[in-house]
C-alpha atoms as a PDB file:
ATOM      1  CA  UNK A   1      36.177   3.975  55.919  1.00  0.00           C
ATOM      2  CA  UNK A   2      36.418   7.715  55.271  1.00  0.00           C
ATOM      3  CA  UNK A   3      37.931   7.092  51.830  1.00  0.00           C
ATOM      4  CA  UNK A   4      35.132   4.684  50.963  1.00  0.00           C
ATOM      5  CA  UNK A   5      32.491   7.252  51.954  1.00  0.00           C
ATOM      6  CA  UNK A   6      34.303   9.921  49.961  1.00  0.00           C
ATOM      7  CA  UNK A   7      34.430   7.652  46.936  1.00  0.00           C
ATOM      8  CA  UNK A   8      30.702   6.911  47.149  1.00  0.00           C
ATOM      9  CA  UNK A   9      29.947  10.626  47.523  1.00  0.00           C
ATOM     10  CA  UNK A  10      32.038  11.532  44.491  1.00  0.00           C
ATOM     11  CA  UNK A  11      30.383   8.752  42.478  1.00  0.00           C
ATOM     12  CA  UNK A  12      26.884  10.014  43.249  1.00  0.00           C
ATOM     13  CA  UNK A  13      27.912  13.592  42.525  1.00  0.00           C
ATOM     14  CA  UNK A  14      29.161  12.518  39.091  1.00  0.00           C
ATOM     15  CA  UNK A  15      25.915  10.639  38.406  1.00  0.00           C
ATOM     16  CA  UNK A  16      23.869  13.656  39.526  1.00  0.00           C
ATOM     17  CA  UNK A  17      25.881  15.922  37.237  1.00  0.00           C
ATOM     18  CA  UNK A  18      25.325  13.600  34.271  1.00  0.00           C
ATOM     19  CA  UNK A  19      21.583  13.434  34.966  1.00  0.00           C
ATOM     20  CA  UNK A  20      21.298  17.208  35.299  1.00  0.00           C
ATOM     21  CA  UNK A  21      23.230  17.805  32.084  1.00  0.00           C
ATOM     22  CA  UNK A  22      21.092  15.257  30.249  1.00  0.00           C
ATOM     23  CA  UNK A  23      17.910  16.882  31.525  1.00  0.00           C
ATOM     24  CA  UNK A  24      19.104  20.330  30.491  1.00  0.00           C
ATOM     25  CA  UNK A  25      20.032  19.051  27.028  1.00  0.00           C
ATOM     26  CA  UNK A  26      16.627  17.401  26.601  1.00  0.00           C
ATOM     27  CA  UNK A  27      14.892  20.617  27.629  1.00  0.00           C
ATOM     28  CA  UNK A  28      16.964  22.546  25.092  1.00  0.00           C
ATOM     29  CA  UNK A  29      15.982  20.100  22.331  1.00  0.00           C
ATOM     30  CA  UNK A  30      12.298  20.339  23.246  1.00  0.00           C
ATOM     31  CA  UNK A  31      12.419  24.135  23.396  1.00  0.00           C
ATOM     32  CA  UNK A  32      14.096  24.403  19.980  1.00  0.00           C
ATOM     33  CA  UNK A  33      11.668  21.915  18.414  1.00  0.00           C
ATOM     34  CA  UNK A  34       8.646  23.696  19.921  1.00  0.00           C
ATOM     35  CA  UNK A  35       9.934  26.937  18.407  1.00  0.00           C
ATOM     36  CA  UNK A  36       9.950  25.316  14.960  1.00  0.00           C
ATOM     37  CA  UNK A  37      13.706  25.041  14.515  1.00  0.00           C
ATOM     38  CA  UNK A  38      13.788  22.906  11.364  1.00  0.00           C
ATOM     39  CA  UNK A  39      17.402  21.795  11.738  1.00  0.00           C
ATOM     40  CA  UNK A  40      16.743  20.563  15.258  1.00  0.00           C
ATOM     41  CA  UNK A  41      13.613  18.716  14.136  1.00  0.00           C
ATOM     42  CA  UNK A  42      15.523  17.232  11.201  1.00  0.00           C
ATOM     43  CA  UNK A  43      18.209  15.954  13.569  1.00  0.00           C
ATOM     44  CA  UNK A  44      15.590  14.444  15.880  1.00  0.00           C
ATOM     45  CA  UNK A  45      13.826  12.661  13.003  1.00  0.00           C
ATOM     46  CA  UNK A  46      17.030  11.392  11.394  1.00  0.00           C
ATOM     47  CA  UNK A  47      18.425  10.207  14.733  1.00  0.00           C
ATOM     48  CA  UNK A  48      15.196   8.326  15.445  1.00  0.00           C
ATOM     49  CA  UNK A  49      15.239   6.688  12.012  1.00  0.00           C
ATOM     50  CA  UNK A  50      18.854   5.687  12.602  1.00  0.00           C
ATOM     51  CA  UNK A  51      17.922   4.161  15.955  1.00  0.00           C
ATOM     52  CA  UNK A  52      15.047   2.152  14.448  1.00  0.00           C
ATOM     53  CA  UNK A  53      17.346   0.983  11.669  1.00  0.00           C
ATOM     54  CA  UNK A  54      19.759  -0.557  14.158  1.00  0.00           C
ATOM     55  CA  UNK A  55      17.248  -1.834  16.712  1.00  0.00           C
ATOM     56  CA  UNK A  56      15.744  -5.288  16.988  1.00  0.00           C
ATOM     57  CA  UNK A  57      12.295  -5.917  15.606  1.00  0.00           C
ATOM     58  CA  UNK A  58       9.500  -5.664  18.188  1.00  0.00           C
ATOM     59  CA  UNK A  59       7.786  -9.027  18.544  1.00  0.00           C
ATOM     60  CA  UNK A  60       4.379  -7.637  17.588  1.00  0.00           C
ATOM     61  CA  UNK A  61       5.643  -6.125  14.295  1.00  0.00           C
ATOM     62  CA  UNK A  62       5.834  -8.462  11.256  1.00  0.00           C
ATOM     63  CA  UNK A  63       9.339  -8.785   9.736  1.00  0.00           C
ATOM     64  CA  UNK A  64       8.297  -7.317   6.371  1.00  0.00           C
ATOM     65  CA  UNK A  65       6.814  -4.245   8.072  1.00  0.00           C
ATOM     66  CA  UNK A  66       9.906  -3.716  10.218  1.00  0.00           C
ATOM     67  CA  UNK A  67      12.108  -3.932   7.121  1.00  0.00           C
ATOM     68  CA  UNK A  68      10.045  -1.099   5.679  1.00  0.00           C
ATOM     69  CA  UNK A  69      10.524   0.980   8.828  1.00  0.00           C
ATOM     70  CA  UNK A  70      14.260   0.301   8.858  1.00  0.00           C
ATOM     71  CA  UNK A  71      14.502   1.388   5.227  1.00  0.00           C
ATOM     72  CA  UNK A  72      12.660   4.645   5.877  1.00  0.00           C
ATOM     73  CA  UNK A  73      14.336   7.854   4.676  1.00  0.00           C
ATOM     74  CA  UNK A  74      13.536  11.451   5.643  1.00  0.00           C
ATOM     75  CA  UNK A  75      12.979  13.479   2.469  1.00  0.00           C
ATOM     76  CA  UNK A  76      11.507  16.728   3.809  1.00  0.00           C
ATOM     77  CA  UNK A  77      11.221  18.328   7.237  1.00  0.00           C
ATOM     78  CA  UNK A  78       9.296  21.401   8.303  1.00  0.00           C
ATOM     79  CA  UNK A  79       8.476  23.202  11.567  1.00  0.00           C
ATOM     80  CA  UNK A  80       5.497  20.904  12.197  1.00  0.00           C
ATOM     81  CA  UNK A  81       5.788  18.013   9.748  1.00  0.00           C
ATOM     82  CA  UNK A  82       8.014  15.320   8.326  1.00  0.00           C
ATOM     83  CA  UNK A  83       7.893  13.571   4.971  1.00  0.00           C
ATOM     84  CA  UNK A  84       9.477  10.161   4.599  1.00  0.00           C
ATOM     85  CA  UNK A  85       9.793   7.518   1.905  1.00  0.00           C
ATOM     86  CA  UNK A  86       9.646   3.741   2.333  1.00  0.00           C
ATOM     87  CA  UNK A  87      10.101   0.720   0.099  1.00  0.00           C
ATOM     88  CA  UNK A  88       7.572  -2.113  -0.178  1.00  0.00           C
ATOM     89  CA  UNK A  89       7.691  -5.303  -2.197  1.00  0.00           C
ATOM     90  CA  UNK A  90       5.251  -8.171  -2.546  1.00  0.00           C
ATOM     91  CA  UNK A  91       5.516 -11.152  -0.218  1.00  0.00           C
ATOM     92  CA  UNK A  92       5.828 -14.601  -1.779  1.00  0.00           C
ATOM     93  CA  UNK A  93       5.598 -18.159  -0.496  1.00  0.00           C
ATOM     94  CA  UNK A  94       6.349 -21.495  -2.061  1.00  0.00           C
ATOM     95  CA  UNK A  95       3.106 -23.384  -2.660  1.00  0.00           C
ATOM     96  CA  UNK A  96       2.957 -26.664  -4.563  1.00  0.00           C
ATOM     97  CA  UNK A  97       6.413 -26.125  -5.978  1.00  0.00           C
ATOM     98  CA  UNK A  98       5.911 -22.585  -7.252  1.00  0.00           C
ATOM     99  CA  UNK A  99       6.202 -19.082  -5.831  1.00  0.00           C
ATOM    100  CA  UNK A 100       2.842 -17.448  -5.173  1.00  0.00           C
ATOM    101  CA  UNK A 101       2.295 -13.801  -4.229  1.00  0.00           C
ATOM    102  CA  UNK A 102       0.337 -13.750  -0.994  1.00  0.00           C
ATOM    103  CA  UNK A 103       0.533  -9.994  -0.413  1.00  0.00           C
ATOM    104  CA  UNK A 104       1.101  -7.399  -3.116  1.00  0.00           C
ATOM    105  CA  UNK A 105       3.257  -4.271  -2.692  1.00  0.00           C
ATOM    106  CA  UNK A 106       0.246  -2.046  -1.968  1.00  0.00           C
ATOM    107  CA  UNK A 107      -0.917  -4.274   0.881  1.00  0.00           C
ATOM    108  CA  UNK A 108       2.614  -4.349   2.253  1.00  0.00           C
ATOM    109  CA  UNK A 109       2.864  -0.588   1.783  1.00  0.00           C
ATOM    110  CA  UNK A 110      -0.302   0.011   3.783  1.00  0.00           C
ATOM    111  CA  UNK A 111       1.059  -2.024   6.682  1.00  0.00           C
ATOM    112  CA  UNK A 112       4.332  -0.084   6.568  1.00  0.00           C
ATOM    113  CA  UNK A 113       2.474   3.230   6.309  1.00  0.00           C
ATOM    114  CA  UNK A 114       0.347   2.494   9.367  1.00  0.00           C
ATOM    115  CA  UNK A 115       3.414   1.621  11.440  1.00  0.00           C
ATOM    116  CA  UNK A 116       5.434   4.568  10.108  1.00  0.00           C
ATOM    117  CA  UNK A 117       2.648   6.993  11.003  1.00  0.00           C
ATOM    118  CA  UNK A 118       2.447   5.462  14.471  1.00  0.00           C
ATOM    119  CA  UNK A 119       6.139   5.772  15.287  1.00  0.00           C
ATOM    120  CA  UNK A 120       6.566   9.211  13.719  1.00  0.00           C
ATOM    121  CA  UNK A 121       3.561  10.704  15.493  1.00  0.00           C
ATOM    122  CA  UNK A 122       4.050   9.068  18.874  1.00  0.00           C
ATOM    123  CA  UNK A 123       7.622   7.837  19.329  1.00  0.00           C
ATOM    124  CA  UNK A 124       9.818  10.768  18.304  1.00  0.00           C
ATOM    125  CA  UNK A 125      11.600  12.254  21.325  1.00  0.00           C
ATOM    126  CA  UNK A 126      11.442  15.985  22.112  1.00  0.00           C
ATOM    127  CA  UNK A 127       8.982  16.890  19.311  1.00  0.00           C
ATOM    128  CA  UNK A 128       5.304  16.348  18.554  1.00  0.00           C
ATOM    129  CA  UNK A 129       4.661  16.738  14.831  1.00  0.00           C
ATOM    130  CA  UNK A 130       1.257  17.873  13.566  1.00  0.00           C
ATOM    131  CA  UNK A 131       1.440  15.644  10.496  1.00  0.00           C
ATOM    132  CA  UNK A 132       3.651  13.186   8.671  1.00  0.00           C
ATOM    133  CA  UNK A 133       3.609  12.194   5.017  1.00  0.00           C
ATOM    134  CA  UNK A 134       4.575   8.646   4.110  1.00  0.00           C
ATOM    135  CA  UNK A 135       5.352   7.885   0.460  1.00  0.00           C
ATOM    136  CA  UNK A 136       5.684   4.186  -0.352  1.00  0.00           C
ATOM    137  CA  UNK A 137       7.676   3.069  -3.386  1.00  0.00           C
ATOM    138  CA  UNK A 138       7.993  -0.276  -5.108  1.00  0.00           C
ATOM    139  CA  UNK A 139      10.005  -1.626  -8.000  1.00  0.00           C
ATOM    140  CA  UNK A 140       8.267  -2.183 -11.328  1.00  0.00           C
ATOM    141  CA  UNK A 141      10.169  -4.699 -13.411  1.00  0.00           C
ATOM    142  CA  UNK A 142       9.707  -4.527 -17.151  1.00  0.00           C
ATOM    143  CA  UNK A 143      11.776  -6.697 -19.492  1.00  0.00           C
ATOM    144  CA  UNK A 144      14.314  -7.242 -16.748  1.00  0.00           C
ATOM    145  CA  UNK A 145      14.822  -3.565 -15.946  1.00  0.00           C
ATOM    146  CA  UNK A 146      13.551  -2.096 -12.704  1.00  0.00           C
ATOM    147  CA  UNK A 147      12.140   1.347 -12.033  1.00  0.00           C
ATOM    148  CA  UNK A 148      11.152   2.685  -8.636  1.00  0.00           C
ATOM    149  CA  UNK A 149       7.723   4.354  -8.483  1.00  0.00           C
ATOM    150  CA  UNK A 150       5.477   5.650  -5.728  1.00  0.00           C
ATOM    151  CA  UNK A 151       2.320   3.568  -5.252  1.00  0.00           C
ATOM    152  CA  UNK A 152       0.927   5.024  -2.017  1.00  0.00           C
ATOM    153  CA  UNK A 153       1.079   8.484  -0.464  1.00  0.00           C
ATOM    154  CA  UNK A 154      -0.525   9.180   2.892  1.00  0.00           C
ATOM    155  CA  UNK A 155      -0.590  12.316   5.012  1.00  0.00           C
ATOM    156  CA  UNK A 156      -1.284  11.391   8.621  1.00  0.00           C
ATOM    157  CA  UNK A 157      -2.551  14.277  10.736  1.00  0.00           C
ATOM    158  CA  UNK A 158      -2.455  14.178  14.511  1.00  0.00           C
ATOM    159  CA  UNK A 159      -6.105  15.216  14.867  1.00  0.00           C
ATOM    160  CA  UNK A 160      -7.259  12.283  12.751  1.00  0.00           C
ATOM    161  CA  UNK A 161      -4.790   9.951  14.475  1.00  0.00           C
ATOM    162  CA  UNK A 162      -6.411  10.649  17.847  1.00  0.00           C
ATOM    163  CA  UNK A 163      -9.694   9.222  16.565  1.00  0.00           C
ATOM    164  CA  UNK A 164      -8.260   5.967  15.219  1.00  0.00           C
ATOM    165  CA  UNK A 165      -8.507   2.584  16.882  1.00  0.00           C
ATOM    166  CA  UNK A 166      -4.846   1.679  16.405  1.00  0.00           C
ATOM    167  CA  UNK A 167      -5.214  -1.638  18.217  1.00  0.00           C
ATOM    168  CA  UNK A 168      -8.155  -3.065  16.280  1.00  0.00           C
ATOM    169  CA  UNK A 169      -8.242  -1.367  12.880  1.00  0.00           C
ATOM    170  CA  UNK A 170      -6.462  -2.943   9.927  1.00  0.00           C
ATOM    171  CA  UNK A 171      -3.659  -1.132   8.128  1.00  0.00           C
ATOM    172  CA  UNK A 172      -6.050  -0.543   5.204  1.00  0.00           C
ATOM    173  CA  UNK A 173      -8.588   1.031   7.592  1.00  0.00           C
ATOM    174  CA  UNK A 174      -5.930   3.378   8.969  1.00  0.00           C
ATOM    175  CA  UNK A 175      -4.694   4.400   5.527  1.00  0.00           C
ATOM    176  CA  UNK A 176      -8.265   5.057   4.369  1.00  0.00           C
ATOM    177  CA  UNK A 177      -8.963   7.181   7.458  1.00  0.00           C
ATOM    178  CA  UNK A 178      -5.928   9.304   6.643  1.00  0.00           C
ATOM    179  CA  UNK A 179      -7.017   9.617   2.997  1.00  0.00           C
ATOM    180  CA  UNK A 180      -4.120   7.676   1.498  1.00  0.00           C
ATOM    181  CA  UNK A 181      -3.821   7.984  -2.287  1.00  0.00           C
ATOM    182  CA  UNK A 182      -3.233   4.972  -4.543  1.00  0.00           C
ATOM    183  CA  UNK A 183      -4.365   3.413  -7.820  1.00  0.00           C
ATOM    184  CA  UNK A 184      -5.231  -0.185  -8.602  1.00  0.00           C
ATOM    185  CA  UNK A 185      -5.067  -1.765 -12.045  1.00  0.00           C
ATOM    186  CA  UNK A 186      -7.570  -4.193 -13.608  1.00  0.00           C
ATOM    187  CA  UNK A 187      -5.707  -7.195 -12.216  1.00  0.00           C
ATOM    188  CA  UNK A 188      -5.661  -5.741  -8.693  1.00  0.00           C
ATOM    189  CA  UNK A 189      -2.006  -4.733  -8.818  1.00  0.00           C
ATOM    190  CA  UNK A 190      -0.930  -1.238  -7.677  1.00  0.00           C
ATOM    191  CA  UNK A 191      -0.169   1.409 -10.279  1.00  0.00           C
ATOM    192  CA  UNK A 192       2.272   4.336 -10.033  1.00  0.00           C
ATOM    193  CA  UNK A 193       0.902   7.622  -8.705  1.00  0.00           C
ATOM    194  CA  UNK A 194       2.111  11.193  -8.934  1.00  0.00           C
ATOM    195  CA  UNK A 195       3.463  12.884  -5.822  1.00  0.00           C
ATOM    196  CA  UNK A 196       4.292  16.502  -5.189  1.00  0.00           C
ATOM    197  CA  UNK A 197       7.969  17.372  -5.727  1.00  0.00           C
ATOM    198  CA  UNK A 198      10.218  17.416  -2.706  1.00  0.00           C
ATOM    199  CA  UNK A 199      10.969  20.966  -1.615  1.00  0.00           C
ATOM    200  CA  UNK A 200      14.568  22.117  -2.129  1.00  0.00           C
ATOM    201  CA  UNK A 201      16.459  21.720   1.112  1.00  0.00           C
ATOM    202  CA  UNK A 202      18.531  24.670   2.366  1.00  0.00           C
ATOM    203  CA  UNK A 203      22.262  24.152   2.529  1.00  0.00           C
ATOM    204  CA  UNK A 204      22.213  25.439   6.104  1.00  0.00           C
ATOM    205  CA  UNK A 205      20.754  28.320   8.053  1.00  0.00           C
ATOM    206  CA  UNK A 206      23.396  28.617  10.686  1.00  0.00           C
ATOM    207  CA  UNK A 207      21.390  26.648  13.231  1.00  0.00           C
ATOM    208  CA  UNK A 208      23.320  24.686  15.795  1.00  0.00           C
ATOM    209  CA  UNK A 209      22.412  21.599  17.778  1.00  0.00           C
ATOM    210  CA  UNK A 210      20.988  22.554  21.181  1.00  0.00           C
ATOM    211  CA  UNK A 211      23.434  21.806  23.942  1.00  0.00           C
ATOM    212  CA  UNK A 212      21.440  22.732  27.012  1.00  0.00           C
ATOM    213  CA  UNK A 213      24.277  24.876  28.304  1.00  0.00           C
END
């Protein structure tokens, strides 16, 4: 009986130690992120993107939108912002024996942008970014060759995000509220847009991952 009680006590002590260490590590991450440690914020963003890439699609998120989220790449990180790129393609269905585009890349890109802004502003652990920039690219195919161009660029600020009706507004409404930039051709198809160059990323500033120790 005494050995059983000792075993239970040791087990709970180990669990308590793990919980305390995890809490201390989380506090260290939050403290570093709040101080604007770019390398810590970069690690948080990239780890979150990696987790979304390997996680199952939430039931309420359309498959094409979740593919866009899973293909998201971090291209620039700052003390209070993140810039990511996504890929969007048109959605087609077979109707009367032929493939018909039912949603063009810009419409798909808006849906991906709205979801990307949502998860980056509200689902990142340990950090609360002031703004996120989502650049959506698509493939333009000319004479069989493909070139990847940006068709939608949206900077989502937290202040604006607080005023949005995320549950009832359409993706287009959300993108418009954030001031998303895009161009539409005469036939209604998206056109390439210019985006600001990505800032050169430092090779390393000697920062280390917070350990909580």
